[in-house]
Amino acid sequence: MAYKQKSRPRPLADTDKLCSADEAAELLGVAPQTLAHWRVRGTGPRYITLSARCVRYRASDIRTWLDDRAKDSTAENGRDGQ
């Protein structure tokens, strides 16, 4: 009799890794409270709420948010009002 192995869920790609608020804050070099303030204001990286107390950040969303804020010169600082 052949043994049928259960299929395992595919692991998330590194860019789809879900980070806790503490992990995301560490990656960004800010305090977790700063991320909480950014969530309230809508100025931080996109986030996912799994429940009322469980917030996660996709690594790809953090990367996109950082890339959108990259500047080549100080002349760009006032360009987008941020």
PDB file of N, CA and C in Angstrom:
ATOM      1  N   MET A   1       0.853  -1.172   0.000  1.00  0.00           N
ATOM      2  CA  MET A   1       0.000   0.000   0.000  1.00  0.00           C
ATOM      3  C   MET A   1       0.899   1.235   0.000  1.00  0.00           C
ATOM      4  N   ALA A   2       0.624   2.156  -0.899  1.00  0.00           N
ATOM      5  CA  ALA A   2       1.432   3.371  -1.020  1.00  0.00           C
ATOM      6  C   ALA A   2       0.982   4.391   0.016  1.00  0.00           C
ATOM      7  N   TYR A   3       1.957   5.013   0.609  1.00  0.00           N
ATOM      8  CA  TYR A   3       1.685   6.055   1.592  1.00  0.00           C
ATOM      9  C   TYR A   3       1.595   7.391   0.869  1.00  0.00           C
ATOM     10  N   LYS A   4       0.485   8.064   1.025  1.00  0.00           N
ATOM     11  CA  LYS A   4       0.306   9.368   0.385  1.00  0.00           C
ATOM     12  C   LYS A   4       0.657  10.452   1.391  1.00  0.00           C
ATOM     13  N   GLN A   5       1.640  11.242   1.041  1.00  0.00           N
ATOM     14  CA  GLN A   5       2.087  12.313   1.928  1.00  0.00           C
ATOM     15  C   GLN A   5       1.175  13.519   1.786  1.00  0.00           C
ATOM     16  N   LYS A   6       0.800  14.110   2.906  1.00  0.00           N
ATOM     17  CA  LYS A   6      -0.031  15.311   2.862  1.00  0.00           C
ATOM     18  C   LYS A   6       0.784  16.447   2.265  1.00  0.00           C
ATOM     19  N   SER A   7       0.116  17.253   1.474  1.00  0.00           N
ATOM     20  CA  SER A   7       0.837  18.392   0.896  1.00  0.00           C
ATOM     21  C   SER A   7       1.019  19.460   1.967  1.00  0.00           C
ATOM     22  N   ARG A   8       2.187  20.027   1.968  1.00  0.00           N
ATOM     23  CA  ARG A   8       2.498  21.091   2.929  1.00  0.00           C
ATOM     24  C   ARG A   8       2.168  22.432   2.310  1.00  0.00           C
ATOM     25  N   PRO A   9       1.761  23.396   3.131  1.00  0.00           N
ATOM     26  CA  PRO A   9       1.530  24.724   2.574  1.00  0.00           C
ATOM     27  C   PRO A   9       2.842  25.295   2.049  1.00  0.00           C
ATOM     28  N   ARG A  10       2.773  25.982   0.946  1.00  0.00           N
ATOM     29  CA  ARG A  10       3.971  26.599   0.367  1.00  0.00           C
ATOM     30  C   ARG A  10       4.489  27.672   1.307  1.00  0.00           C
ATOM     31  N   PRO A  11       5.785  27.716   1.532  1.00  0.00           N
ATOM     32  CA  PRO A  11       6.316  28.791   2.374  1.00  0.00           C
ATOM     33  C   PRO A  11       6.199  30.118   1.636  1.00  0.00           C
ATOM     34  N   LEU A  12       6.007  31.170   2.391  1.00  0.00           N
ATOM     35  CA  LEU A  12       5.930  32.497   1.790  1.00  0.00           C
ATOM     36  C   LEU A  12       7.297  32.886   1.258  1.00  0.00           C
ATOM     37  N   ALA A  13       7.299  33.612   0.160  1.00  0.00           N
ATOM     38  CA  ALA A  13       8.558  34.155  -0.345  1.00  0.00           C
ATOM     39  C   ALA A  13       9.059  35.174   0.668  1.00  0.00           C
ATOM     40  N   ASP A  14      10.363  35.412   0.690  1.00  0.00           N
ATOM     41  CA  ASP A  14      10.923  36.369   1.648  1.00  0.00           C
ATOM     42  C   ASP A  14      10.237  37.721   1.566  1.00  0.00           C
ATOM     43  N   THR A  15       9.859  38.137   0.353  1.00  0.00           N
ATOM     44  CA  THR A  15       9.225  39.449   0.217  1.00  0.00           C
ATOM     45  C   THR A  15       7.806  39.453   0.766  1.00  0.00           C
ATOM     46  N   ASP A  16       7.213  38.270   0.947  1.00  0.00           N
ATOM     47  CA  ASP A  16       5.868  38.177   1.498  1.00  0.00           C
ATOM     48  C   ASP A  16       5.867  37.804   2.970  1.00  0.00           C
ATOM     49  N   LYS A  17       7.045  37.747   3.562  1.00  0.00           N
ATOM     50  CA  LYS A  17       7.140  37.416   4.979  1.00  0.00           C
ATOM     51  C   LYS A  17       6.354  38.447   5.783  1.00  0.00           C
ATOM     52  N   LEU A  18       5.603  37.963   6.745  1.00  0.00           N
ATOM     53  CA  LEU A  18       4.860  38.872   7.616  1.00  0.00           C
ATOM     54  C   LEU A  18       5.704  39.172   8.845  1.00  0.00           C
ATOM     55  N   CYS A  19       5.921  40.447   9.093  1.00  0.00           N
ATOM     56  CA  CYS A  19       6.719  40.902  10.237  1.00  0.00           C
ATOM     57  C   CYS A  19       5.790  41.477  11.295  1.00  0.00           C
ATOM     58  N   SER A  20       6.104  41.228  12.541  1.00  0.00           N
ATOM     59  CA  SER A  20       5.370  41.869  13.629  1.00  0.00           C
ATOM     60  C   SER A  20       5.733  43.352  13.649  1.00  0.00           C
ATOM     61  N   ALA A  21       4.989  44.133  14.408  1.00  0.00           N
ATOM     62  CA  ALA A  21       5.295  45.563  14.522  1.00  0.00           C
ATOM     63  C   ALA A  21       6.695  45.760  15.106  1.00  0.00           C
ATOM     64  N   ASP A  22       7.077  44.922  16.056  1.00  0.00           N
ATOM     65  CA  ASP A  22       8.412  45.033  16.644  1.00  0.00           C
ATOM     66  C   ASP A  22       9.497  44.734  15.611  1.00  0.00           C
ATOM     67  N   GLU A  23       9.278  43.686  14.796  1.00  0.00           N
ATOM     68  CA  GLU A  23      10.254  43.347  13.758  1.00  0.00           C
ATOM     69  C   GLU A  23      10.338  44.444  12.699  1.00  0.00           C
ATOM     70  N   ALA A  24       9.181  44.973  12.294  1.00  0.00           N
ATOM     71  CA  ALA A  24       9.166  46.042  11.298  1.00  0.00           C
ATOM     72  C   ALA A  24       9.858  47.288  11.837  1.00  0.00           C
ATOM     73  N   ALA A  25       9.604  47.608  13.097  1.00  0.00           N
ATOM     74  CA  ALA A  25      10.241  48.773  13.710  1.00  0.00           C
ATOM     75  C   ALA A  25      11.754  48.600  13.744  1.00  0.00           C
ATOM     76  N   GLU A  26      12.200  47.398  14.064  1.00  0.00           N
ATOM     77  CA  GLU A  26      13.640  47.135  14.096  1.00  0.00           C
ATOM     78  C   GLU A  26      14.251  47.281  12.698  1.00  0.00           C
ATOM     79  N   LEU A  27      13.562  46.756  11.686  1.00  0.00           N
ATOM     80  CA  LEU A  27      14.045  46.894  10.310  1.00  0.00           C
ATOM     81  C   LEU A  27      14.163  48.358   9.901  1.00  0.00           C
ATOM     82  N   LEU A  28      13.212  49.173  10.341  1.00  0.00           N
ATOM     83  CA  LEU A  28      13.184  50.585   9.966  1.00  0.00           C
ATOM     84  C   LEU A  28      14.020  51.469  10.891  1.00  0.00           C
ATOM     85  N   GLY A  29      14.433  50.919  12.020  1.00  0.00           N
ATOM     86  CA  GLY A  29      15.234  51.695  12.963  1.00  0.00           C
ATOM     87  C   GLY A  29      14.426  52.734  13.726  1.00  0.00           C
ATOM     88  N   VAL A  30      13.152  52.407  13.978  1.00  0.00           N
ATOM     89  CA  VAL A  30      12.286  53.306  14.742  1.00  0.00           C
ATOM     90  C   VAL A  30      11.661  52.520  15.885  1.00  0.00           C
ATOM     91  N   ALA A  31      11.041  53.228  16.807  1.00  0.00           N
ATOM     92  CA  ALA A  31      10.355  52.583  17.923  1.00  0.00           C
ATOM     93  C   ALA A  31       9.013  52.016  17.455  1.00  0.00           C
ATOM     94  N   PRO A  32       8.555  50.914  18.063  1.00  0.00           N
ATOM     95  CA  PRO A  32       7.232  50.376  17.708  1.00  0.00           C
ATOM     96  C   PRO A  32       6.114  51.414  17.873  1.00  0.00           C
ATOM     97  N   GLN A  33       6.267  52.313  18.838  1.00  0.00           N
ATOM     98  CA  GLN A  33       5.264  53.368  19.037  1.00  0.00           C
ATOM     99  C   GLN A  33       5.208  54.305  17.831  1.00  0.00           C
ATOM    100  N   THR A  34       6.352  54.500  17.176  1.00  0.00           N
ATOM    101  CA  THR A  34       6.378  55.341  15.976  1.00  0.00           C
ATOM    102  C   THR A  34       5.530  54.705  14.887  1.00  0.00           C
ATOM    103  N   LEU A  35       5.655  53.386  14.712  1.00  0.00           N
ATOM    104  CA  LEU A  35       4.820  52.694  13.734  1.00  0.00           C
ATOM    105  C   LEU A  35       3.338  52.843  14.079  1.00  0.00           C
ATOM    106  N   ALA A  36       3.012  52.767  15.353  1.00  0.00           N
ATOM    107  CA  ALA A  36       1.614  52.931  15.775  1.00  0.00           C
ATOM    108  C   ALA A  36       1.108  54.323  15.401  1.00  0.00           C
ATOM    109  N   HIS A  37       1.926  55.344  15.609  1.00  0.00           N
ATOM    110  CA  HIS A  37       1.551  56.718  15.233  1.00  0.00           C
ATOM    111  C   HIS A  37       1.377  56.828  13.725  1.00  0.00           C
ATOM    112  N   TRP A  38       2.284  56.213  12.980  1.00  0.00           N
ATOM    113  CA  TRP A  38       2.187  56.245  11.515  1.00  0.00           C
ATOM    114  C   TRP A  38       0.920  55.557  11.040  1.00  0.00           C
ATOM    115  N   ARG A  39       0.511  54.462  11.703  1.00  0.00           N
ATOM    116  CA  ARG A  39      -0.731  53.771  11.323  1.00  0.00           C
ATOM    117  C   ARG A  39      -1.926  54.686  11.522  1.00  0.00           C
ATOM    118  N   VAL A  40      -1.938  55.401  12.641  1.00  0.00           N
ATOM    119  CA  VAL A  40      -3.051  56.312  12.925  1.00  0.00           C
ATOM    120  C   VAL A  40      -3.114  57.420  11.869  1.00  0.00           C
ATOM    121  N   ARG A  41      -1.953  57.962  11.528  1.00  0.00           N
ATOM    122  CA  ARG A  41      -1.893  59.058  10.550  1.00  0.00           C
ATOM    123  C   ARG A  41      -1.952  58.588   9.101  1.00  0.00           C
ATOM    124  N   GLY A  42      -1.712  57.303   8.876  1.00  0.00           N
ATOM    125  CA  GLY A  42      -1.707  56.779   7.516  1.00  0.00           C
ATOM    126  C   GLY A  42      -0.458  57.145   6.735  1.00  0.00           C
ATOM    127  N   THR A  43       0.661  57.370   7.445  1.00  0.00           N
ATOM    128  CA  THR A  43       1.891  57.790   6.772  1.00  0.00           C
ATOM    129  C   THR A  43       2.959  56.710   6.700  1.00  0.00           C
ATOM    130  N   GLY A  44       2.765  55.607   7.366  1.00  0.00           N
ATOM    131  CA  GLY A  44       3.778  54.552   7.392  1.00  0.00           C
ATOM    132  C   GLY A  44       3.546  53.511   6.309  1.00  0.00           C
ATOM    133  N   PRO A  45       4.298  52.427   6.380  1.00  0.00           N
ATOM    134  CA  PRO A  45       4.115  51.347   5.411  1.00  0.00           C
ATOM    135  C   PRO A  45       2.738  50.710   5.547  1.00  0.00           C
ATOM    136  N   ARG A  46       2.274  50.114   4.454  1.00  0.00           N
ATOM    137  CA  ARG A  46       1.005  49.385   4.498  1.00  0.00           C
ATOM    138  C   ARG A  46       1.113  48.281   5.540  1.00  0.00           C
ATOM    139  N   TYR A  47      -0.004  47.968   6.159  1.00  0.00           N
ATOM    140  CA  TYR A  47      -0.017  46.932   7.192  1.00  0.00           C
ATOM    141  C   TYR A  47      -1.271  46.089   7.060  1.00  0.00           C
ATOM    142  N   ILE A  48      -1.260  44.975   7.751  1.00  0.00           N
ATOM    143  CA  ILE A  48      -2.377  44.034   7.736  1.00  0.00           C
ATOM    144  C   ILE A  48      -2.831  43.833   9.177  1.00  0.00           C
ATOM    145  N   THR A  49      -4.130  43.879   9.404  1.00  0.00           N
ATOM    146  CA  THR A  49      -4.651  43.573  10.735  1.00  0.00           C
ATOM    147  C   THR A  49      -5.247  42.169  10.694  1.00  0.00           C
ATOM    148  N   LEU A  50      -4.621  41.269  11.419  1.00  0.00           N
ATOM    149  CA  LEU A  50      -5.119  39.897  11.512  1.00  0.00           C
ATOM    150  C   LEU A  50      -6.225  39.803  12.551  1.00  0.00           C
ATOM    151  N   SER A  51      -6.155  40.673  13.553  1.00  0.00           N
ATOM    152  CA  SER A  51      -7.200  40.807  14.565  1.00  0.00           C
ATOM    153  C   SER A  51      -7.013  42.194  15.183  1.00  0.00           C
ATOM    154  N   ALA A  52      -7.859  42.530  16.140  1.00  0.00           N
ATOM    155  CA  ALA A  52      -7.791  43.862  16.741  1.00  0.00           C
ATOM    156  C   ALA A  52      -6.425  44.154  17.361  1.00  0.00           C
ATOM    157  N   ARG A  53      -5.748  43.128  17.839  1.00  0.00           N
ATOM    158  CA  ARG A  53      -4.458  43.329  18.504  1.00  0.00           C
ATOM    159  C   ARG A  53      -3.275  42.747  17.746  1.00  0.00           C
ATOM    160  N   CYS A  54      -3.504  42.282  16.543  1.00  0.00           N
ATOM    161  CA  CYS A  54      -2.449  41.604  15.794  1.00  0.00           C
ATOM    162  C   CYS A  54      -2.217  42.306  14.453  1.00  0.00           C
ATOM    163  N   VAL A  55      -1.177  43.132  14.409  1.00  0.00           N
ATOM    164  CA  VAL A  55      -0.821  43.885  13.208  1.00  0.00           C
ATOM    165  C   VAL A  55       0.433  43.264  12.610  1.00  0.00           C
ATOM    166  N   ARG A  56       0.446  43.110  11.304  1.00  0.00           N
ATOM    167  CA  ARG A  56       1.611  42.574  10.605  1.00  0.00           C
ATOM    168  C   ARG A  56       1.934  43.452   9.405  1.00  0.00           C
ATOM    169  N   TYR A  57       3.203  43.416   9.030  1.00  0.00           N
ATOM    170  CA  TYR A  57       3.698  44.155   7.879  1.00  0.00           C
ATOM    171  C   TYR A  57       4.328  43.173   6.907  1.00  0.00           C
ATOM    172  N   ARG A  58       3.980  43.270   5.619  1.00  0.00           N
ATOM    173  CA  ARG A  58       4.659  42.463   4.608  1.00  0.00           C
ATOM    174  C   ARG A  58       6.025  43.087   4.367  1.00  0.00           C
ATOM    175  N   ALA A  59       7.037  42.243   4.262  1.00  0.00           N
ATOM    176  CA  ALA A  59       8.387  42.740   3.985  1.00  0.00           C
ATOM    177  C   ALA A  59       8.402  43.517   2.673  1.00  0.00           C
ATOM    178  N   SER A  60       7.632  43.073   1.679  1.00  0.00           N
ATOM    179  CA  SER A  60       7.589  43.771   0.387  1.00  0.00           C
ATOM    180  C   SER A  60       6.964  45.163   0.525  1.00  0.00           C
ATOM    181  N   ASP A  61       5.975  45.324   1.417  1.00  0.00           N
ATOM    182  CA  ASP A  61       5.370  46.643   1.627  1.00  0.00           C
ATOM    183  C   ASP A  61       6.343  47.593   2.324  1.00  0.00           C
ATOM    184  N   ILE A  62       7.142  47.049   3.242  1.00  0.00           N
ATOM    185  CA  ILE A  62       8.156  47.878   3.901  1.00  0.00           C
ATOM    186  C   ILE A  62       9.173  48.347   2.870  1.00  0.00           C
ATOM    187  N   ARG A  63       9.634  47.427   2.006  1.00  0.00           N
ATOM    188  CA  ARG A  63      10.605  47.764   0.960  1.00  0.00           C
ATOM    189  C   ARG A  63      10.035  48.820   0.010  1.00  0.00           C
ATOM    190  N   THR A  64       8.789  48.662  -0.418  1.00  0.00           N
ATOM    191  CA  THR A  64       8.155  49.630  -1.317  1.00  0.00           C
ATOM    192  C   THR A  64       8.059  50.992  -0.655  1.00  0.00           C
ATOM    193  N   TRP A  65       7.659  51.015   0.599  1.00  0.00           N
ATOM    194  CA  TRP A  65       7.533  52.269   1.341  1.00  0.00           C
ATOM    195  C   TRP A  65       8.889  52.966   1.430  1.00  0.00           C
ATOM    196  N   LEU A  66       9.932  52.196   1.714  1.00  0.00           N
ATOM    197  CA  LEU A  66      11.275  52.780   1.771  1.00  0.00           C
ATOM    198  C   LEU A  66      11.718  53.291   0.406  1.00  0.00           C
ATOM    199  N   ASP A  67      11.492  52.503  -0.634  1.00  0.00           N
ATOM    200  CA  ASP A  67      11.887  52.910  -1.986  1.00  0.00           C
ATOM    201  C   ASP A  67      11.178  54.195  -2.414  1.00  0.00           C
ATOM    202  N   ASP A  68       9.914  54.347  -2.021  1.00  0.00           N
ATOM    203  CA  ASP A  68       9.168  55.564  -2.362  1.00  0.00           C
ATOM    204  C   ASP A  68       9.733  56.801  -1.678  1.00  0.00           C
ATOM    205  N   ARG A  69      10.482  56.618  -0.612  1.00  0.00           N
ATOM    206  CA  ARG A  69      11.037  57.748   0.131  1.00  0.00           C
ATOM    207  C   ARG A  69      12.502  58.024  -0.187  1.00  0.00           C
ATOM    208  N   ALA A  70      13.075  57.245  -1.071  1.00  0.00           N
ATOM    209  CA  ALA A  70      14.483  57.429  -1.448  1.00  0.00           C
ATOM    210  C   ALA A  70      14.632  58.730  -2.234  1.00  0.00           C
ATOM    211  N   LYS A  71      15.645  59.482  -1.915  1.00  0.00           N
ATOM    212  CA  LYS A  71      15.917  60.768  -2.565  1.00  0.00           C
ATOM    213  C   LYS A  71      17.322  60.750  -3.144  1.00  0.00           C
ATOM    214  N   ASP A  72      17.507  61.480  -4.243  1.00  0.00           N
ATOM    215  CA  ASP A  72      18.825  61.620  -4.855  1.00  0.00           C
ATOM    216  C   ASP A  72      19.520  62.903  -4.435  1.00  0.00           C
ATOM    217  N   SER A  73      18.731  63.877  -4.002  1.00  0.00           N
ATOM    218  CA  SER A  73      19.338  65.141  -3.573  1.00  0.00           C
ATOM    219  C   SER A  73      18.408  65.841  -2.586  1.00  0.00           C
ATOM    220  N   THR A  74      18.932  66.826  -1.889  1.00  0.00           N
ATOM    221  CA  THR A  74      18.121  67.571  -0.935  1.00  0.00           C
ATOM    222  C   THR A  74      17.088  68.441  -1.650  1.00  0.00           C
ATOM    223  N   ALA A  75      17.266  68.701  -2.936  1.00  0.00           N
ATOM    224  CA  ALA A  75      16.292  69.489  -3.702  1.00  0.00           C
ATOM    225  C   ALA A  75      14.947  68.777  -3.802  1.00  0.00           C
ATOM    226  N   GLU A  76      14.931  67.473  -3.590  1.00  0.00           N
ATOM    227  CA  GLU A  76      13.699  66.691  -3.695  1.00  0.00           C
ATOM    228  C   GLU A  76      12.886  66.696  -2.405  1.00  0.00           C
ATOM    229  N   ASN A  77      13.418  67.218  -1.307  1.00  0.00           N
ATOM    230  CA  ASN A  77      12.762  67.088   0.000  1.00  0.00           C
ATOM    231  C   ASN A  77      11.349  67.636   0.049  1.00  0.00           C
ATOM    232  N   GLY A  78      11.076  68.769  -0.543  1.00  0.00           N
ATOM    233  CA  GLY A  78       9.744  69.368  -0.460  1.00  0.00           C
ATOM    234  C   GLY A  78       8.838  68.972  -1.597  1.00  0.00           C
ATOM    235  N   ARG A  79       9.296  68.156  -2.509  1.00  0.00           N
ATOM    236  CA  ARG A  79       8.569  67.833  -3.718  1.00  0.00           C
ATOM    237  C   ARG A  79       7.192  67.234  -3.469  1.00  0.00           C
ATOM    238  N   ASP A  80       7.113  66.278  -2.567  1.00  0.00           N
ATOM    239  CA  ASP A  80       5.840  65.588  -2.388  1.00  0.00           C
ATOM    240  C   ASP A  80       5.160  65.924  -1.053  1.00  0.00           C
ATOM    241  N   GLY A  81       5.630  66.924  -0.376  1.00  0.00           N
ATOM    242  CA  GLY A  81       4.990  67.367   0.855  1.00  0.00           C
ATOM    243  C   GLY A  81       5.228  66.488   2.057  1.00  0.00           C
ATOM    244  N   GLN A  82       6.176  65.555   1.955  1.00  0.00           N
ATOM    245  CA  GLN A  82       6.438  64.671   3.106  1.00  0.00           C
ATOM    246  C   GLN A  82       7.697  65.080   3.816  1.00  0.00           C
TER     247      GLN A  82
END
